[in-house]
């Protein structure tokens, strides 16, 4: 299964719990405050489209494969997923 980094900006209505519950349901690990890493089946676009249903239309989501990563003082890493 591919590993993806998912990052987000919630703009006006910061409804984090709804998004966090779904990330945790998929066994994602928090890497930074608004960045998570997960193993999921599908493309980056499919992962993005899935998470669009958990945020408002003015929010932002960024999904990228977790390849060639490096971190410093991260809360978790792709190795932890």
N, C-alpha and C. Protein backbone atom coordinates (compact mmCIF):
# COMPACT_ATOMS: atom_id res chain seq x y z
N UNK A 1 0.84 -1.18 0.00
CA UNK A 1 0.00 0.00 0.00
C UNK A 1 0.89 1.24 0.00
N UNK A 2 0.56 2.26 -0.80
CA UNK A 2 1.37 3.48 -0.80
C UNK A 2 1.16 4.30 0.47
N UNK A 3 2.21 5.03 0.84
CA UNK A 3 2.12 5.95 1.97
C UNK A 3 1.95 7.35 1.42
N UNK A 4 1.05 8.11 2.04
CA UNK A 4 0.79 9.48 1.62
C UNK A 4 0.93 10.42 2.80
N UNK A 5 1.37 11.63 2.50
CA UNK A 5 1.34 12.74 3.45
C UNK A 5 0.09 13.55 3.12
N UNK A 6 -0.72 13.84 4.12
CA UNK A 6 -1.92 14.65 3.96
C UNK A 6 -1.76 15.87 4.85
N UNK A 7 -1.89 17.04 4.25
CA UNK A 7 -1.81 18.29 5.00
C UNK A 7 -3.04 19.12 4.69
N UNK A 8 -3.42 20.00 5.61
CA UNK A 8 -4.65 20.77 5.42
C UNK A 8 -4.55 22.13 6.09
N UNK A 9 -5.34 23.06 5.58
CA UNK A 9 -5.60 24.36 6.20
C UNK A 9 -7.11 24.48 6.31
N UNK A 10 -7.61 24.59 7.51
CA UNK A 10 -9.04 24.82 7.71
C UNK A 10 -9.21 26.32 7.90
N UNK A 11 -10.02 26.95 7.06
CA UNK A 11 -10.06 28.40 6.96
C UNK A 11 -10.99 29.05 8.00
N UNK A 12 -12.26 29.10 7.76
CA UNK A 12 -13.17 29.84 8.66
C UNK A 12 -13.65 28.98 9.81
N UNK A 13 -14.39 27.93 9.49
CA UNK A 13 -14.92 27.03 10.50
C UNK A 13 -13.90 25.92 10.74
N UNK A 14 -13.19 25.99 11.82
CA UNK A 14 -12.12 25.04 12.10
C UNK A 14 -12.70 23.79 12.78
N UNK A 15 -13.34 22.95 11.98
CA UNK A 15 -13.99 21.74 12.49
C UNK A 15 -13.00 20.57 12.43
N UNK A 16 -11.96 20.65 13.28
CA UNK A 16 -10.92 19.63 13.28
C UNK A 16 -11.40 18.24 13.68
N UNK A 17 -12.23 18.10 14.72
CA UNK A 17 -12.58 16.75 15.18
C UNK A 17 -13.14 15.85 14.08
N UNK A 18 -13.97 16.39 13.21
CA UNK A 18 -14.55 15.58 12.13
C UNK A 18 -13.43 15.01 11.25
N UNK A 19 -12.46 15.83 10.91
CA UNK A 19 -11.33 15.40 10.07
C UNK A 19 -10.41 14.46 10.84
N UNK A 20 -10.11 14.78 12.08
CA UNK A 20 -9.21 13.94 12.89
C UNK A 20 -9.77 12.54 13.11
N UNK A 21 -11.07 12.44 13.33
CA UNK A 21 -11.69 11.13 13.53
C UNK A 21 -11.47 10.26 12.29
N UNK A 22 -11.64 10.85 11.11
CA UNK A 22 -11.45 10.07 9.89
C UNK A 22 -9.98 9.70 9.69
N UNK A 23 -9.07 10.62 9.96
CA UNK A 23 -7.64 10.31 9.86
C UNK A 23 -7.28 9.17 10.81
N UNK A 24 -7.75 9.23 12.03
CA UNK A 24 -7.46 8.17 13.00
C UNK A 24 -8.12 6.85 12.61
N UNK A 25 -9.31 6.92 12.02
CA UNK A 25 -9.99 5.70 11.57
C UNK A 25 -9.15 4.98 10.52
N UNK A 26 -8.42 5.75 9.72
CA UNK A 26 -7.55 5.18 8.68
C UNK A 26 -6.15 4.90 9.20
N UNK A 27 -5.96 4.94 10.52
CA UNK A 27 -4.67 4.67 11.18
C UNK A 27 -3.56 5.62 10.76
N UNK A 28 -3.93 6.84 10.41
CA UNK A 28 -2.93 7.86 10.08
C UNK A 28 -2.20 8.29 11.35
N UNK A 29 -0.98 8.73 11.17
CA UNK A 29 -0.16 9.24 12.27
C UNK A 29 0.10 10.72 12.03
N UNK A 30 -0.04 11.52 13.08
CA UNK A 30 0.24 12.95 12.97
C UNK A 30 1.75 13.15 12.88
N UNK A 31 2.18 13.86 11.84
CA UNK A 31 3.60 14.14 11.62
C UNK A 31 3.93 15.53 12.15
N UNK A 32 3.11 16.51 11.81
CA UNK A 32 3.18 17.88 12.33
C UNK A 32 1.75 18.29 12.67
N UNK A 33 1.54 19.49 13.16
CA UNK A 33 0.21 19.87 13.65
C UNK A 33 -0.90 19.67 12.62
N UNK A 34 -0.67 20.03 11.37
CA UNK A 34 -1.71 19.84 10.35
C UNK A 34 -1.23 18.93 9.22
N UNK A 35 -0.36 17.99 9.55
CA UNK A 35 0.18 17.06 8.56
C UNK A 35 0.16 15.65 9.14
N UNK A 36 -0.38 14.72 8.35
CA UNK A 36 -0.50 13.34 8.77
C UNK A 36 0.08 12.43 7.72
N UNK A 37 0.46 11.21 8.11
CA UNK A 37 0.96 10.21 7.17
C UNK A 37 0.11 8.96 7.32
N UNK A 38 -0.17 8.31 6.19
CA UNK A 38 -1.01 7.12 6.23
C UNK A 38 -0.68 6.18 5.09
N UNK A 39 -1.02 4.91 5.29
CA UNK A 39 -1.00 3.88 4.26
C UNK A 39 -2.44 3.72 3.78
N UNK A 40 -2.69 3.98 2.52
CA UNK A 40 -4.02 3.78 1.97
C UNK A 40 -3.91 3.32 0.52
N UNK A 41 -4.93 2.65 0.07
CA UNK A 41 -5.00 2.24 -1.32
C UNK A 41 -5.58 3.39 -2.14
N UNK A 42 -5.02 3.62 -3.30
CA UNK A 42 -5.54 4.66 -4.19
C UNK A 42 -4.47 5.65 -4.59
N UNK A 43 -4.87 6.57 -5.44
CA UNK A 43 -3.97 7.63 -5.90
C UNK A 43 -4.05 8.83 -4.96
N UNK A 44 -3.12 9.75 -5.12
CA UNK A 44 -3.15 10.98 -4.32
C UNK A 44 -4.47 11.73 -4.56
N UNK A 45 -4.93 11.77 -5.81
CA UNK A 45 -6.18 12.46 -6.13
C UNK A 45 -7.37 11.78 -5.45
N UNK A 46 -7.36 10.46 -5.38
CA UNK A 46 -8.46 9.74 -4.71
C UNK A 46 -8.44 10.01 -3.20
N UNK A 47 -7.25 10.07 -2.61
CA UNK A 47 -7.14 10.38 -1.18
C UNK A 47 -7.64 11.80 -0.94
N UNK A 48 -7.21 12.75 -1.78
CA UNK A 48 -7.68 14.14 -1.66
C UNK A 48 -9.19 14.20 -1.73
N UNK A 49 -9.77 13.54 -2.74
CA UNK A 49 -11.22 13.58 -2.91
C UNK A 49 -11.95 12.97 -1.72
N UNK A 50 -11.37 11.94 -1.12
CA UNK A 50 -11.98 11.35 0.07
C UNK A 50 -12.03 12.38 1.20
N UNK A 51 -10.91 13.05 1.45
CA UNK A 51 -10.86 13.99 2.57
C UNK A 51 -11.62 15.28 2.31
N UNK A 52 -11.89 15.59 1.05
CA UNK A 52 -12.71 16.78 0.75
C UNK A 52 -14.08 16.67 1.38
N UNK A 53 -14.56 15.46 1.61
CA UNK A 53 -15.88 15.29 2.21
C UNK A 53 -15.89 15.57 3.71
N UNK A 54 -14.71 15.78 4.31
CA UNK A 54 -14.62 16.03 5.75
C UNK A 54 -14.23 17.47 6.08
N UNK A 55 -14.14 18.33 5.06
CA UNK A 55 -13.78 19.73 5.27
C UNK A 55 -14.76 20.62 4.52
N UNK A 56 -14.70 21.92 4.79
CA UNK A 56 -15.57 22.88 4.11
C UNK A 56 -14.99 23.24 2.74
N UNK A 57 -15.82 23.84 1.89
CA UNK A 57 -15.41 24.14 0.52
C UNK A 57 -14.30 25.18 0.43
N UNK A 58 -14.09 26.00 1.46
CA UNK A 58 -13.02 26.99 1.42
C UNK A 58 -11.72 26.48 2.07
N UNK A 59 -11.72 25.27 2.58
CA UNK A 59 -10.52 24.69 3.20
C UNK A 59 -9.56 24.18 2.12
N UNK A 60 -8.34 23.86 2.54
CA UNK A 60 -7.32 23.37 1.61
C UNK A 60 -6.81 22.01 2.06
N UNK A 61 -6.53 21.15 1.07
CA UNK A 61 -5.95 19.83 1.34
C UNK A 61 -4.82 19.61 0.36
N UNK A 62 -3.74 19.03 0.85
CA UNK A 62 -2.58 18.71 0.02
C UNK A 62 -2.20 17.26 0.30
N UNK A 63 -2.10 16.44 -0.76
CA UNK A 63 -1.76 15.03 -0.62
C UNK A 63 -0.58 14.74 -1.54
N UNK A 64 0.45 14.10 -1.00
CA UNK A 64 1.64 13.77 -1.78
C UNK A 64 2.17 12.42 -1.31
N UNK A 65 2.70 11.60 -2.23
CA UNK A 65 3.31 10.34 -1.80
C UNK A 65 4.48 10.61 -0.84
N UNK A 66 4.62 9.76 0.16
CA UNK A 66 5.69 9.91 1.16
C UNK A 66 6.92 9.15 0.69
N UNK A 67 7.62 9.72 -0.25
CA UNK A 67 8.84 9.11 -0.79
C UNK A 67 10.00 10.08 -0.60
N UNK A 68 11.14 9.57 -0.22
CA UNK A 68 12.33 10.41 -0.09
C UNK A 68 12.18 11.49 0.96
N UNK A 69 11.52 11.20 2.03
CA UNK A 69 11.23 12.18 3.07
C UNK A 69 12.40 12.32 4.04
N UNK A 70 12.41 13.42 4.74
CA UNK A 70 13.34 13.67 5.84
C UNK A 70 12.59 14.51 6.86
N UNK A 71 12.92 14.35 8.12
CA UNK A 71 12.24 15.15 9.14
C UNK A 71 13.20 15.49 10.27
N UNK A 72 12.77 16.44 11.08
CA UNK A 72 13.51 16.82 12.28
C UNK A 72 12.48 17.18 13.33
N UNK A 73 12.51 16.48 14.43
CA UNK A 73 11.58 16.68 15.55
C UNK A 73 10.12 16.47 15.16
N UNK A 74 9.88 15.61 14.21
CA UNK A 74 8.51 15.30 13.82
C UNK A 74 7.83 14.50 14.93
N UNK A 75 6.53 14.61 15.02
CA UNK A 75 5.76 13.84 15.99
C UNK A 75 5.74 12.37 15.64
N UNK A 76 5.82 12.06 14.33
CA UNK A 76 5.89 10.69 13.81
C UNK A 76 6.51 10.80 12.42
N UNK A 77 6.83 9.66 11.82
CA UNK A 77 7.38 9.66 10.47
C UNK A 77 6.66 8.59 9.64
N UNK A 78 6.86 8.57 8.33
CA UNK A 78 6.25 7.51 7.53
C UNK A 78 6.66 6.11 8.00
N UNK A 79 7.79 5.96 8.65
CA UNK A 79 8.18 4.66 9.19
C UNK A 79 7.26 4.20 10.32
N UNK A 80 6.56 5.12 10.96
CA UNK A 80 5.67 4.79 12.07
C UNK A 80 4.30 4.32 11.61
N UNK A 81 4.02 4.44 10.34
CA UNK A 81 2.69 4.07 9.80
C UNK A 81 2.70 2.61 9.43
